[in-house]
Protein backbone atom coordinates (compact mmCIF):
# COMPACT_ATOMS: atom_id res chain seq x y z
CA MET A 1 -4.15 16.63 0.54
CA PHE A 2 -0.50 16.90 -0.46
CA TRP A 3 2.25 14.95 1.29
CA LEU A 4 5.65 16.60 0.87
CA ASP A 5 9.19 15.73 1.90
CA TYR A 6 8.73 11.99 2.06
CA THR A 7 10.95 9.28 0.64
CA VAL A 8 9.77 6.17 -1.17
CA HIS A 9 12.11 3.32 -0.28
CA SER A 10 11.87 0.33 -2.61
CA TYR A 11 13.19 -3.15 -1.87
CA ALA A 12 14.69 -5.76 -4.20
CA ASN A 13 11.56 -7.93 -3.98
CA GLY A 14 9.31 -5.12 -5.30
CA ASP A 15 7.91 -4.02 -1.94
CA PHE A 16 8.14 -0.37 -0.99
CA THR A 17 7.48 1.92 1.93
CA VAL A 18 7.01 5.65 2.35
CA GLU A 19 9.32 7.14 4.95
CA GLY A 20 8.69 10.40 6.78
CA ASP A 21 10.84 12.30 9.25
CA TRP A 22 10.48 9.45 11.77
CA PRO A 23 9.33 5.82 11.63
CA GLY A 24 5.54 5.55 11.40
CA GLU A 25 4.92 9.24 10.65
CA VAL A 26 2.89 8.48 7.50
CA MET A 27 0.71 6.15 9.59
CA GLY A 28 -0.05 8.92 12.08
CA TRP A 29 2.43 7.96 14.80
CA ASP A 30 4.17 10.66 16.82
CA LYS A 31 7.96 10.82 17.23
CA ASP A 32 7.74 8.49 20.26
CA GLY A 33 5.93 5.81 18.23
CA ASN A 34 2.45 6.44 19.64
CA PRO A 35 -0.36 5.93 17.11
CA GLY A 36 -3.18 8.44 16.62
CA ALA A 37 -1.08 11.61 16.62
CA LYS A 38 -2.43 12.84 13.25
CA ASP A 39 -5.95 13.21 11.92
CA TYR A 40 -4.85 12.23 8.39
CA THR A 41 -2.66 9.29 7.54
CA LEU A 42 -1.26 8.08 4.25
CA TYR A 43 -1.95 4.45 5.14
CA GLN A 44 -2.49 2.16 8.12
CA PRO A 45 -1.51 -1.47 8.81
CA GLY A 46 -3.95 -3.74 6.96
CA ASP A 47 -4.82 -1.23 4.23
CA VAL A 48 -5.07 -2.68 0.72
CA PHE A 49 -4.48 -0.62 -2.42
CA VAL A 50 -4.98 -1.46 -6.09
CA VAL A 51 -2.99 0.38 -8.75
CA ASP A 52 -5.17 1.51 -11.64
CA LYS A 53 -4.10 1.96 -15.27
CA ASN A 54 -3.05 5.57 -14.56
CA GLY A 55 -0.75 4.57 -11.71
CA ILE A 56 -3.10 5.80 -9.00
CA LEU A 57 -3.26 3.69 -5.85
CA ARG A 58 -6.92 3.17 -4.98
CA LYS A 59 -7.78 2.03 -1.47
CA SER A 60 -9.89 -1.12 -1.42
CA ASP A 61 -11.95 -2.32 1.52
CA HIS A 62 -12.80 -5.60 -0.15
CA LEU A 63 -9.75 -7.86 0.08
CA SER A 64 -11.66 -11.01 -0.85
CA THR A 65 -13.03 -9.34 -4.01
CA LEU A 66 -9.55 -8.11 -4.86
CA MET A 67 -8.08 -11.61 -4.50
CA MET A 68 -10.81 -13.11 -6.70
CA LYS A 69 -10.16 -10.50 -9.43
CA TYR A 70 -6.42 -11.13 -9.19
CA GLU A 71 -6.87 -14.89 -9.60
CA GLU A 72 -9.29 -14.37 -12.52
CA GLY A 73 -6.77 -12.08 -14.21
CA LYS A 74 -4.01 -14.66 -13.83
CA GLN A 75 -6.21 -17.33 -15.37
CA LYS A 76 -7.12 -15.07 -18.31
CA ASN A 77 -3.44 -14.37 -18.93
CA GLY A 78 -2.51 -18.04 -18.82
CA HIS A 79 -0.79 -17.97 -15.45
CA SER A 80 -1.38 -20.34 -12.59
CA ARG A 81 -0.33 -20.46 -8.95
CA SER A 82 2.52 -22.77 -9.87
CA ASP A 83 4.06 -20.08 -12.14
CA LYS A 84 5.85 -18.37 -9.23
C-alpha cells in the first residue's frame, strides 16, 4: 500500500508524527475525529516500531522483547541508564 500526500513533522527532541489532511487521518479517524473510518491505517496508538538497518520501520508486537534487546545493546556499547 502506498500513502501519498502526507507530511512528516519532526520535533526537536527526535520524535516525529505523520500528518494527513486532518488530525488522526493516518490512524483511520474521519474528519470529525471518529476512529474506525478506514480499513487500513498507518499506525494506531500503542503501536511499536523498530527501525532496521535499511531504515524500514518494522512493527513489533513484543514490547518487552524489544526493551530487553535495547538494554542489551546499550550494555554491549558501553552505555548505561545513567548516560542520559
